[in-house]
Amino acid sequence: MTGIRPPIPLPTFAESGSVSVDTPPPARTDGPSAGGPPTPGPPDAGREAALTQLFETHYTGLLRLAVLLGADDAEDIVAEAFCQLHRRWSRLRSAEAALPYLRSVVCNLARMRLRHLQVIRKHTDWTTDLERSAESVALLHDDQKALIEALQRLSARQREALVLRYWLGLRESDIAEAMSISCGAVKAHTSRGMATLTKIMQERR
Protein backbone atom coordinates (compact mmCIF):
# COMPACT_ATOMS: atom_id res chain seq x y z
CA MET A 1 0.00 0.00 0.00
CA THR A 2 1.37 3.39 -0.91
CA GLY A 3 1.61 5.92 1.92
CA ILE A 4 0.29 9.42 1.71
CA ARG A 5 2.47 12.18 0.37
CA PRO A 6 4.85 13.64 3.02
CA PRO A 7 3.26 16.59 4.81
CA ILE A 8 3.65 19.91 3.03
CA PRO A 9 5.65 22.42 5.10
CA LEU A 10 3.34 25.12 6.37
CA PRO A 11 5.45 28.05 5.13
CA THR A 12 4.55 27.07 1.55
CA PHE A 13 0.91 27.81 2.38
CA ALA A 14 1.53 31.53 2.66
CA GLU A 15 1.22 32.11 -1.08
CA SER A 16 -0.55 29.65 -3.37
CA GLY A 17 -0.97 29.73 -7.09
CA SER A 18 -4.26 27.82 -6.89
CA VAL A 19 -7.59 29.42 -7.65
CA SER A 20 -9.04 30.93 -4.50
CA VAL A 21 -12.59 30.21 -3.45
CA ASP A 22 -14.66 33.04 -2.04
CA THR A 23 -15.43 31.29 1.22
CA PRO A 24 -15.64 33.91 3.96
CA PRO A 25 -14.46 32.90 7.42
CA PRO A 26 -17.25 32.20 9.90
CA ALA A 27 -18.86 35.46 10.97
CA ARG A 28 -17.93 36.81 14.38
CA THR A 29 -20.96 36.48 16.60
CA ASP A 30 -19.37 37.35 19.92
CA GLY A 31 -18.50 40.97 19.21
CA PRO A 32 -20.28 44.25 19.96
CA SER A 33 -23.41 45.37 18.17
CA ALA A 34 -23.25 46.90 14.71
CA GLY A 35 -21.51 50.22 14.67
CA GLY A 36 -19.11 49.39 17.50
CA PRO A 37 -15.42 48.64 17.15
CA PRO A 38 -14.65 45.30 15.46
CA THR A 39 -13.87 42.33 17.67
CA PRO A 40 -10.29 41.22 17.07
CA GLY A 41 -9.80 37.72 15.76
CA PRO A 42 -7.20 35.23 16.98
CA PRO A 43 -3.79 36.90 17.37
CA ASP A 44 -1.42 36.60 14.42
CA ALA A 45 1.40 35.87 16.84
CA GLY A 46 0.01 32.38 17.44
CA ARG A 47 -1.03 31.74 13.85
CA GLU A 48 1.92 29.60 12.77
CA ALA A 49 1.79 27.40 15.86
CA ALA A 50 -1.98 26.98 15.55
CA LEU A 51 -1.74 26.14 11.85
CA THR A 52 1.00 23.62 12.52
CA GLN A 53 -1.16 21.94 15.16
CA LEU A 54 -4.18 21.90 12.86
CA PHE A 55 -2.10 20.44 10.03
CA GLU A 56 -0.59 17.69 12.16
CA THR A 57 -3.95 16.77 13.73
CA HIS A 58 -6.43 17.14 10.89
CA TYR A 59 -4.53 16.82 7.58
CA THR A 60 -5.32 13.14 7.06
CA GLY A 61 -8.96 13.59 8.04
CA LEU A 62 -9.40 16.51 5.65
CA LEU A 63 -7.68 14.49 2.93
CA ARG A 64 -10.14 11.64 3.39
CA LEU A 65 -12.98 14.15 3.38
CA ALA A 66 -11.88 15.49 -0.01
CA VAL A 67 -11.56 11.95 -1.37
CA LEU A 68 -15.01 10.94 -0.12
CA LEU A 69 -16.44 14.06 -1.75
CA GLY A 70 -15.09 12.79 -5.06
CA ALA A 71 -12.03 15.00 -5.60
CA ASP A 72 -9.27 13.51 -7.73
CA ASP A 73 -6.73 16.04 -6.42
CA ALA A 74 -7.40 15.75 -2.69
CA GLU A 75 -3.86 16.72 -1.65
CA ASP A 76 -4.01 19.96 -3.64
CA ILE A 77 -7.45 20.80 -2.25
CA VAL A 78 -6.38 20.37 1.36
CA ALA A 79 -3.19 22.34 0.77
CA GLU A 80 -5.21 25.19 -0.76
CA ALA A 81 -7.60 25.11 2.20
CA PHE A 82 -4.66 25.67 4.55
CA CYS A 83 -3.36 28.43 2.27
CA GLN A 84 -6.66 30.26 2.49
CA LEU A 85 -6.80 29.80 6.25
CA HIS A 86 -3.28 31.22 6.55
CA ARG A 87 -4.23 34.31 4.55
CA ARG A 88 -7.50 34.92 6.38
CA TRP A 89 -6.50 33.93 9.90
CA SER A 90 -7.05 37.40 11.38
CA ARG A 91 -10.64 37.42 10.05
CA LEU A 92 -11.71 34.36 12.04
CA ARG A 93 -13.92 35.02 15.05
CA SER A 94 -11.68 32.72 17.13
CA ALA A 95 -9.06 30.01 16.76
CA GLU A 96 -11.82 27.42 17.29
CA ALA A 97 -13.43 28.54 14.02
CA ALA A 98 -10.38 27.40 12.02
CA LEU A 99 -11.37 23.73 11.61
CA PRO A 100 -14.95 24.49 10.48
CA TYR A 101 -13.49 26.99 8.02
CA LEU A 102 -11.12 24.35 6.62
CA ARG A 103 -14.01 21.92 6.15
CA SER A 104 -16.03 24.58 4.36
CA VAL A 105 -13.19 25.36 1.95
CA VAL A 106 -12.57 21.66 1.26
CA CYS A 107 -16.28 21.21 0.43
CA ASN A 108 -16.29 24.22 -1.90
CA LEU A 109 -13.07 23.29 -3.65
CA ALA A 110 -14.15 19.68 -4.14
CA ARG A 111 -17.45 20.87 -5.60
CA MET A 112 -15.66 23.25 -7.98
CA ARG A 113 -13.23 20.52 -9.03
CA LEU A 114 -16.03 18.11 -9.89
CA ARG A 115 -17.83 20.76 -11.93
CA HIS A 116 -14.61 21.45 -13.81
CA LEU A 117 -14.07 17.77 -14.55
CA GLN A 118 -17.65 17.38 -15.73
CA VAL A 119 -17.12 20.19 -18.23
CA ILE A 120 -13.87 18.62 -19.45
CA ARG A 121 -15.47 15.21 -19.87
CA LYS A 122 -18.15 16.70 -22.12
CA HIS A 123 -15.44 17.77 -24.56
CA THR A 124 -13.25 14.67 -24.46
CA ASP A 125 -13.51 10.95 -25.11
CA TRP A 126 -13.06 9.95 -21.47
CA THR A 127 -15.08 6.85 -20.68
CA THR A 128 -13.39 5.73 -17.47
CA ASP A 129 -14.06 6.85 -13.94
CA LEU A 130 -12.18 9.82 -12.50
CA GLU A 131 -8.60 8.89 -11.64
CA ARG A 132 -7.35 9.53 -8.15
CA SER A 133 -3.78 9.65 -6.91
CA ALA A 134 -2.35 6.50 -5.34
CA GLU A 135 -1.77 8.43 -2.13
CA SER A 136 -5.47 9.28 -1.83
CA VAL A 137 -6.81 5.85 -2.73
CA ALA A 138 -4.41 4.21 -0.27
CA LEU A 139 -6.20 6.01 2.55
CA LEU A 140 -9.40 4.06 1.92
CA HIS A 141 -10.45 0.53 2.80
CA ASP A 142 -12.19 -1.69 0.23
CA ASP A 143 -15.63 -0.94 1.64
CA GLN A 144 -14.87 2.78 1.51
CA LYS A 145 -13.83 2.48 -2.13
CA ALA A 146 -17.19 0.85 -2.90
CA LEU A 147 -18.89 3.66 -1.03
CA ILE A 148 -16.96 6.22 -3.07
CA GLU A 149 -18.33 4.74 -6.27
CA ALA A 150 -21.86 4.87 -4.91
CA LEU A 151 -21.45 8.41 -3.61
CA GLN A 152 -20.45 9.60 -7.08
CA ARG A 153 -23.98 8.86 -8.24
CA LEU A 154 -25.45 11.36 -5.79
CA SER A 155 -25.72 15.09 -6.26
CA ALA A 156 -22.84 17.13 -4.83
CA ARG A 157 -24.98 18.51 -2.01
CA GLN A 158 -26.36 15.11 -1.03
CA ARG A 159 -22.85 13.63 -1.06
CA GLU A 160 -21.48 16.42 1.13
CA ALA A 161 -24.34 16.16 3.63
CA LEU A 162 -23.92 12.40 4.03
CA VAL A 163 -20.14 12.50 4.33
CA LEU A 164 -20.19 15.31 6.88
CA ARG A 165 -22.99 13.68 8.87
CA TYR A 166 -22.09 10.00 8.86
CA TRP A 167 -18.33 10.03 8.31
CA LEU A 168 -17.32 13.10 10.32
CA GLY A 169 -20.30 12.82 12.67
CA LEU A 170 -21.01 16.55 12.61
CA ARG A 171 -24.15 18.13 13.99
CA GLU A 172 -26.68 19.65 11.60
CA SER A 173 -25.60 23.15 12.58
CA ASP A 174 -21.95 22.33 11.83
CA ILE A 175 -22.88 20.75 8.50
CA ALA A 176 -24.94 23.81 7.61
CA GLU A 177 -21.95 26.01 8.35
CA ALA A 178 -19.58 23.85 6.30
CA MET A 179 -21.97 23.75 3.33
CA SER A 180 -23.19 27.36 3.72
CA ILE A 181 -26.84 26.28 3.74
CA SER A 182 -29.67 26.17 6.29
CA CYS A 183 -30.27 23.33 8.75
CA GLY A 184 -33.52 22.57 6.95
CA ALA A 185 -31.63 22.14 3.67
CA VAL A 186 -29.16 19.85 5.44
CA LYS A 187 -32.04 17.61 6.59
CA ALA A 188 -33.49 17.48 3.09
CA HIS A 189 -30.17 16.65 1.39
CA THR A 190 -29.35 14.04 4.05
CA SER A 191 -32.73 12.32 3.78
CA ARG A 192 -32.80 12.23 -0.02
CA GLY A 193 -29.15 11.26 -0.25
CA MET A 194 -29.52 8.38 2.20
CA ALA A 195 -32.56 7.03 0.37
CA THR A 196 -30.72 7.09 -2.95
CA LEU A 197 -27.49 5.69 -1.50
CA THR A 198 -29.35 2.82 0.19
CA LYS A 199 -30.97 1.92 -3.11
CA ILE A 200 -27.64 2.00 -4.95
CA MET A 201 -25.88 -0.15 -2.37
CA GLN A 202 -28.70 -2.70 -2.42
CA GLU A 203 -28.40 -2.95 -6.19
CA ARG A 204 -24.70 -3.77 -5.82
CA ARG A 205 -25.40 -6.91 -3.79
C-alpha atoms as a PDB file:
ATOM      1  CA  MET A   1       0.000   0.000   0.000  1.00  0.00           C
ATOM      2  CA  THR A   2       1.367   3.387  -0.911  1.00  0.00           C
ATOM      3  CA  GLY A   3       1.608   5.919   1.919  1.00  0.00           C
ATOM      4  CA  ILE A   4       0.286   9.415   1.709  1.00  0.00           C
ATOM      5  CA  ARG A   5       2.465  12.181   0.371  1.00  0.00           C
ATOM      6  CA  PRO A   6       4.855  13.640   3.016  1.00  0.00           C
ATOM      7  CA  PRO A   7       3.258  16.587   4.812  1.00  0.00           C
ATOM      8  CA  ILE A   8       3.653  19.910   3.035  1.00  0.00           C
ATOM      9  CA  PRO A   9       5.655  22.421   5.103  1.00  0.00           C
ATOM     10  CA  LEU A  10       3.337  25.116   6.366  1.00  0.00           C
ATOM     11  CA  PRO A  11       5.453  28.053   5.133  1.00  0.00           C
ATOM     12  CA  THR A  12       4.547  27.072   1.553  1.00  0.00           C
ATOM     13  CA  PHE A  13       0.912  27.812   2.383  1.00  0.00           C
ATOM     14  CA  ALA A  14       1.533  31.532   2.656  1.00  0.00           C
ATOM     15  CA  GLU A  15       1.222  32.113  -1.081  1.00  0.00           C
ATOM     16  CA  SER A  16      -0.553  29.654  -3.367  1.00  0.00           C
ATOM     17  CA  GLY A  17      -0.974  29.728  -7.090  1.00  0.00           C
ATOM     18  CA  SER A  18      -4.260  27.818  -6.891  1.00  0.00           C
ATOM     19  CA  VAL A  19      -7.586  29.416  -7.645  1.00  0.00           C
ATOM     20  CA  SER A  20      -9.038  30.926  -4.497  1.00  0.00           C
ATOM     21  CA  VAL A  21     -12.593  30.209  -3.449  1.00  0.00           C
ATOM     22  CA  ASP A  22     -14.664  33.041  -2.045  1.00  0.00           C
ATOM     23  CA  THR A  23     -15.425  31.292   1.215  1.00  0.00           C
ATOM     24  CA  PRO A  24     -15.639  33.914   3.964  1.00  0.00           C
ATOM     25  CA  PRO A  25     -14.457  32.903   7.415  1.00  0.00           C
ATOM     26  CA  PRO A  26     -17.252  32.200   9.900  1.00  0.00           C
ATOM     27  CA  ALA A  27     -18.858  35.464  10.975  1.00  0.00           C
ATOM     28  CA  ARG A  28     -17.928  36.814  14.376  1.00  0.00           C
ATOM     29  CA  THR A  29     -20.964  36.484  16.603  1.00  0.00           C
ATOM     30  CA  ASP A  30     -19.370  37.347  19.921  1.00  0.00           C
ATOM     31  CA  GLY A  31     -18.496  40.974  19.211  1.00  0.00           C
ATOM     32  CA  PRO A  32     -20.278  44.246  19.964  1.00  0.00           C
ATOM     33  CA  SER A  33     -23.411  45.374  18.170  1.00  0.00           C
ATOM     34  CA  ALA A  34     -23.254  46.896  14.707  1.00  0.00           C
ATOM     35  CA  GLY A  35     -21.512  50.222  14.667  1.00  0.00           C
ATOM     36  CA  GLY A  36     -19.114  49.394  17.500  1.00  0.00           C
ATOM     37  CA  PRO A  37     -15.417  48.644  17.148  1.00  0.00           C
ATOM     38  CA  PRO A  38     -14.648  45.297  15.456  1.00  0.00           C
ATOM     39  CA  THR A  39     -13.874  42.334  17.667  1.00  0.00           C
ATOM     40  CA  PRO A  40     -10.290  41.218  17.068  1.00  0.00           C
ATOM     41  CA  GLY A  41      -9.800  37.719  15.756  1.00  0.00           C
ATOM     42  CA  PRO A  42      -7.200  35.233  16.984  1.00  0.00           C
ATOM     43  CA  PRO A  43      -3.787  36.895  17.374  1.00  0.00           C
ATOM     44  CA  ASP A  44      -1.425  36.605  14.422  1.00  0.00           C
ATOM     45  CA  ALA A  45       1.404  35.871  16.836  1.00  0.00           C
ATOM     46  CA  GLY A  46       0.010  32.380  17.441  1.00  0.00           C
ATOM     47  CA  ARG A  47      -1.034  31.736  13.852  1.00  0.00           C
ATOM     48  CA  GLU A  48       1.916  29.597  12.773  1.00  0.00           C
ATOM     49  CA  ALA A  49       1.789  27.404  15.861  1.00  0.00           C
ATOM     50  CA  ALA A  50      -1.980  26.980  15.548  1.00  0.00           C
ATOM     51  CA  LEU A  51      -1.743  26.142  11.848  1.00  0.00           C
ATOM     52  CA  THR A  52       1.004  23.619  12.515  1.00  0.00           C
ATOM     53  CA  GLN A  53      -1.155  21.938  15.161  1.00  0.00           C
ATOM     54  CA  LEU A  54      -4.178  21.897  12.861  1.00  0.00           C
ATOM     55  CA  PHE A  55      -2.103  20.441  10.031  1.00  0.00           C
ATOM     56  CA  GLU A  56      -0.594  17.687  12.162  1.00  0.00           C
ATOM     57  CA  THR A  57      -3.947  16.773  13.728  1.00  0.00           C
ATOM     58  CA  HIS A  58      -6.431  17.137  10.886  1.00  0.00           C
ATOM     59  CA  TYR A  59      -4.528  16.824   7.579  1.00  0.00           C
ATOM     60  CA  THR A  60      -5.323  13.143   7.057  1.00  0.00           C
ATOM     61  CA  GLY A  61      -8.964  13.589   8.043  1.00  0.00           C
ATOM     62  CA  LEU A  62      -9.403  16.507   5.653  1.00  0.00           C
ATOM     63  CA  LEU A  63      -7.678  14.494   2.931  1.00  0.00           C
ATOM     64  CA  ARG A  64     -10.143  11.638   3.394  1.00  0.00           C
ATOM     65  CA  LEU A  65     -12.984  14.151   3.385  1.00  0.00           C
ATOM     66  CA  ALA A  66     -11.881  15.487  -0.007  1.00  0.00           C
ATOM     67  CA  VAL A  67     -11.557  11.950  -1.373  1.00  0.00           C
ATOM     68  CA  LEU A  68     -15.008  10.943  -0.118  1.00  0.00           C
ATOM     69  CA  LEU A  69     -16.440  14.061  -1.746  1.00  0.00           C
ATOM     70  CA  GLY A  70     -15.086  12.794  -5.058  1.00  0.00           C
ATOM     71  CA  ALA A  71     -12.034  14.999  -5.602  1.00  0.00           C
ATOM     72  CA  ASP A  72      -9.269  13.506  -7.726  1.00  0.00           C
ATOM     73  CA  ASP A  73      -6.725  16.044  -6.415  1.00  0.00           C
ATOM     74  CA  ALA A  74      -7.402  15.749  -2.693  1.00  0.00           C
ATOM     75  CA  GLU A  75      -3.862  16.720  -1.652  1.00  0.00           C
ATOM     76  CA  ASP A  76      -4.012  19.963  -3.637  1.00  0.00           C
ATOM     77  CA  ILE A  77      -7.449  20.803  -2.250  1.00  0.00           C
ATOM     78  CA  VAL A  78      -6.376  20.366   1.359  1.00  0.00           C
ATOM     79  CA  ALA A  79      -3.187  22.345   0.768  1.00  0.00           C
ATOM     80  CA  GLU A  80      -5.208  25.186  -0.759  1.00  0.00           C
ATOM     81  CA  ALA A  81      -7.596  25.110   2.203  1.00  0.00           C
ATOM     82  CA  PHE A  82      -4.664  25.666   4.550  1.00  0.00           C
ATOM     83  CA  CYS A  83      -3.360  28.430   2.270  1.00  0.00           C
ATOM     84  CA  GLN A  84      -6.661  30.257   2.488  1.00  0.00           C
ATOM     85  CA  LEU A  85      -6.800  29.804   6.246  1.00  0.00           C
ATOM     86  CA  HIS A  86      -3.276  31.219   6.552  1.00  0.00           C
ATOM     87  CA  ARG A  87      -4.234  34.309   4.549  1.00  0.00           C
ATOM     88  CA  ARG A  88      -7.495  34.920   6.383  1.00  0.00           C
ATOM     89  CA  TRP A  89      -6.496  33.932   9.897  1.00  0.00           C
ATOM     90  CA  SER A  90      -7.053  37.397  11.378  1.00  0.00           C
ATOM     91  CA  ARG A  91     -10.640  37.422  10.054  1.00  0.00           C
ATOM     92  CA  LEU A  92     -11.711  34.359  12.043  1.00  0.00           C
ATOM     93  CA  ARG A  93     -13.920  35.017  15.050  1.00  0.00           C
ATOM     94  CA  SER A  94     -11.679  32.722  17.131  1.00  0.00           C
ATOM     95  CA  ALA A  95      -9.060  30.011  16.765  1.00  0.00           C
ATOM     96  CA  GLU A  96     -11.816  27.420  17.293  1.00  0.00           C
ATOM     97  CA  ALA A  97     -13.428  28.541  14.015  1.00  0.00           C
ATOM     98  CA  ALA A  98     -10.381  27.399  12.019  1.00  0.00           C
ATOM     99  CA  LEU A  99     -11.367  23.733  11.606  1.00  0.00           C
ATOM    100  CA  PRO A 100     -14.953  24.486  10.481  1.00  0.00           C
ATOM    101  CA  TYR A 101     -13.487  26.985   8.020  1.00  0.00           C
ATOM    102  CA  LEU A 102     -11.115  24.348   6.621  1.00  0.00           C
ATOM    103  CA  ARG A 103     -14.009  21.918   6.150  1.00  0.00           C
ATOM    104  CA  SER A 104     -16.032  24.579   4.359  1.00  0.00           C
ATOM    105  CA  VAL A 105     -13.190  25.356   1.950  1.00  0.00           C
ATOM    106  CA  VAL A 106     -12.573  21.660   1.258  1.00  0.00           C
ATOM    107  CA  CYS A 107     -16.276  21.209   0.425  1.00  0.00           C
ATOM    108  CA  ASN A 108     -16.293  24.216  -1.896  1.00  0.00           C
ATOM    109  CA  LEU A 109     -13.065  23.289  -3.654  1.00  0.00           C
ATOM    110  CA  ALA A 110     -14.153  19.677  -4.140  1.00  0.00           C
ATOM    111  CA  ARG A 111     -17.453  20.871  -5.596  1.00  0.00           C
ATOM    112  CA  MET A 112     -15.663  23.252  -7.978  1.00  0.00           C
ATOM    113  CA  ARG A 113     -13.228  20.521  -9.032  1.00  0.00           C
ATOM    114  CA  LEU A 114     -16.028  18.108  -9.887  1.00  0.00           C
ATOM    115  CA  ARG A 115     -17.832  20.759 -11.930  1.00  0.00           C
ATOM    116  CA  HIS A 116     -14.611  21.448 -13.807  1.00  0.00           C
ATOM    117  CA  LEU A 117     -14.068  17.766 -14.553  1.00  0.00           C
ATOM    118  CA  GLN A 118     -17.652  17.377 -15.732  1.00  0.00           C
ATOM    119  CA  VAL A 119     -17.116  20.185 -18.233  1.00  0.00           C
ATOM    120  CA  ILE A 120     -13.871  18.616 -19.451  1.00  0.00           C
ATOM    121  CA  ARG A 121     -15.472  15.209 -19.865  1.00  0.00           C
ATOM    122  CA  LYS A 122     -18.154  16.699 -22.117  1.00  0.00           C
ATOM    123  CA  HIS A 123     -15.439  17.771 -24.558  1.00  0.00           C
ATOM    124  CA  THR A 124     -13.250  14.674 -24.457  1.00  0.00           C
ATOM    125  CA  ASP A 125     -13.513  10.951 -25.110  1.00  0.00           C
ATOM    126  CA  TRP A 126     -13.058   9.954 -21.466  1.00  0.00           C
ATOM    127  CA  THR A 127     -15.083   6.850 -20.675  1.00  0.00           C
ATOM    128  CA  THR A 128     -13.394   5.731 -17.473  1.00  0.00           C
ATOM    129  CA  ASP A 129     -14.064   6.850 -13.939  1.00  0.00           C
ATOM    130  CA  LEU A 130     -12.184   9.823 -12.502  1.00  0.00           C
ATOM    131  CA  GLU A 131      -8.604   8.885 -11.645  1.00  0.00           C
ATOM    132  CA  ARG A 132      -7.346   9.526  -8.150  1.00  0.00           C
ATOM    133  CA  SER A 133      -3.779   9.649  -6.907  1.00  0.00           C
ATOM    134  CA  ALA A 134      -2.351   6.500  -5.342  1.00  0.00           C
ATOM    135  CA  GLU A 135      -1.771   8.433  -2.129  1.00  0.00           C
ATOM    136  CA  SER A 136      -5.474   9.281  -1.831  1.00  0.00           C
ATOM    137  CA  VAL A 137      -6.809   5.851  -2.729  1.00  0.00           C
ATOM    138  CA  ALA A 138      -4.408   4.209  -0.269  1.00  0.00           C
ATOM    139  CA  LEU A 139      -6.195   6.008   2.547  1.00  0.00           C
ATOM    140  CA  LEU A 140      -9.401   4.065   1.920  1.00  0.00           C
ATOM    141  CA  HIS A 141     -10.451   0.534   2.797  1.00  0.00           C
ATOM    142  CA  ASP A 142     -12.187  -1.692   0.231  1.00  0.00           C
ATOM    143  CA  ASP A 143     -15.630  -0.940   1.644  1.00  0.00           C
ATOM    144  CA  GLN A 144     -14.872   2.781   1.508  1.00  0.00           C
ATOM    145  CA  LYS A 145     -13.832   2.478  -2.134  1.00  0.00           C
ATOM    146  CA  ALA A 146     -17.191   0.852  -2.904  1.00  0.00           C
ATOM    147  CA  LEU A 147     -18.892   3.656  -1.028  1.00  0.00           C
ATOM    148  CA  ILE A 148     -16.959   6.222  -3.069  1.00  0.00           C
ATOM    149  CA  GLU A 149     -18.332   4.743  -6.275  1.00  0.00           C
ATOM    150  CA  ALA A 150     -21.858   4.868  -4.908  1.00  0.00           C
ATOM    151  CA  LEU A 151     -21.453   8.414  -3.613  1.00  0.00           C
ATOM    152  CA  GLN A 152     -20.446   9.598  -7.082  1.00  0.00           C
ATOM    153  CA  ARG A 153     -23.985   8.857  -8.245  1.00  0.00           C
ATOM    154  CA  LEU A 154     -25.446  11.358  -5.788  1.00  0.00           C
ATOM    155  CA  SER A 155     -25.724  15.090  -6.263  1.00  0.00           C
ATOM    156  CA  ALA A 156     -22.837  17.130  -4.834  1.00  0.00           C
ATOM    157  CA  ARG A 157     -24.980  18.508  -2.007  1.00  0.00           C
ATOM    158  CA  GLN A 158     -26.355  15.106  -1.031  1.00  0.00           C
ATOM    159  CA  ARG A 159     -22.854  13.626  -1.064  1.00  0.00           C
ATOM    160  CA  GLU A 160     -21.485  16.425   1.126  1.00  0.00           C
ATOM    161  CA  ALA A 161     -24.341  16.157   3.628  1.00  0.00           C
ATOM    162  CA  LEU A 162     -23.921  12.405   4.027  1.00  0.00           C
ATOM    163  CA  VAL A 163     -20.136  12.503   4.331  1.00  0.00           C
ATOM    164  CA  LEU A 164     -20.187  15.314   6.884  1.00  0.00           C
ATOM    165  CA  ARG A 165     -22.991  13.679   8.867  1.00  0.00           C
ATOM    166  CA  TYR A 166     -22.090  10.000   8.856  1.00  0.00           C
ATOM    167  CA  TRP A 167     -18.329  10.027   8.315  1.00  0.00           C
ATOM    168  CA  LEU A 168     -17.323  13.095  10.318  1.00  0.00           C
ATOM    169  CA  GLY A 169     -20.296  12.818  12.675  1.00  0.00           C
ATOM    170  CA  LEU A 170     -21.008  16.552  12.605  1.00  0.00           C
ATOM    171  CA  ARG A 171     -24.146  18.127  13.990  1.00  0.00           C
ATOM    172  CA  GLU A 172     -26.681  19.646  11.595  1.00  0.00           C
ATOM    173  CA  SER A 173     -25.604  23.150  12.575  1.00  0.00           C
ATOM    174  CA  ASP A 174     -21.953  22.327  11.833  1.00  0.00           C
ATOM    175  CA  ILE A 175     -22.883  20.751   8.504  1.00  0.00           C
ATOM    176  CA  ALA A 176     -24.945  23.808   7.612  1.00  0.00           C
ATOM    177  CA  GLU A 177     -21.946  26.014   8.353  1.00  0.00           C
ATOM    178  CA  ALA A 178     -19.584  23.853   6.298  1.00  0.00           C
ATOM    179  CA  MET A 179     -21.971  23.750   3.329  1.00  0.00           C
ATOM    180  CA  SER A 180     -23.192  27.356   3.717  1.00  0.00           C
ATOM    181  CA  ILE A 181     -26.837  26.284   3.741  1.00  0.00           C
ATOM    182  CA  SER A 182     -29.674  26.166   6.292  1.00  0.00           C
ATOM    183  CA  CYS A 183     -30.268  23.328   8.750  1.00  0.00           C
ATOM    184  CA  GLY A 184     -33.520  22.571   6.946  1.00  0.00           C
ATOM    185  CA  ALA A 185     -31.635  22.136   3.674  1.00  0.00           C
ATOM    186  CA  VAL A 186     -29.163  19.847   5.441  1.00  0.00           C
ATOM    187  CA  LYS A 187     -32.038  17.614   6.591  1.00  0.00           C
ATOM    188  CA  ALA A 188     -33.494  17.479   3.087  1.00  0.00           C
ATOM    189  CA  HIS A 189     -30.169  16.646   1.393  1.00  0.00           C
ATOM    190  CA  THR A 190     -29.346  14.036   4.049  1.00  0.00           C
ATOM    191  CA  SER A 191     -32.731  12.315   3.782  1.00  0.00           C
ATOM    192  CA  ARG A 192     -32.799  12.227  -0.016  1.00  0.00           C
ATOM    193  CA  GLY A 193     -29.148  11.263  -0.252  1.00  0.00           C
ATOM    194  CA  MET A 194     -29.516   8.381   2.204  1.00  0.00           C
ATOM    195  CA  ALA A 195     -32.562   7.033   0.371  1.00  0.00           C
ATOM    196  CA  THR A 196     -30.720   7.091  -2.950  1.00  0.00           C
ATOM    197  CA  LEU A 197     -27.494   5.694  -1.498  1.00  0.00           C
ATOM    198  CA  THR A 198     -29.347   2.818   0.189  1.00  0.00           C
ATOM    199  CA  LYS A 199     -30.974   1.915  -3.112  1.00  0.00           C
ATOM    200  CA  ILE A 200     -27.638   2.005  -4.947  1.00  0.00           C
ATOM    201  CA  MET A 201     -25.876  -0.154  -2.375  1.00  0.00           C
ATOM    202  CA  GLN A 202     -28.703  -2.698  -2.418  1.00  0.00           C
ATOM    203  CA  GLU A 203     -28.402  -2.954  -6.191  1.00  0.00           C
ATOM    204  CA  ARG A 204     -24.695  -3.773  -5.823  1.00  0.00           C
ATOM    205  CA  ARG A 205     -25.400  -6.915  -3.795  1.00  0.00           C
END
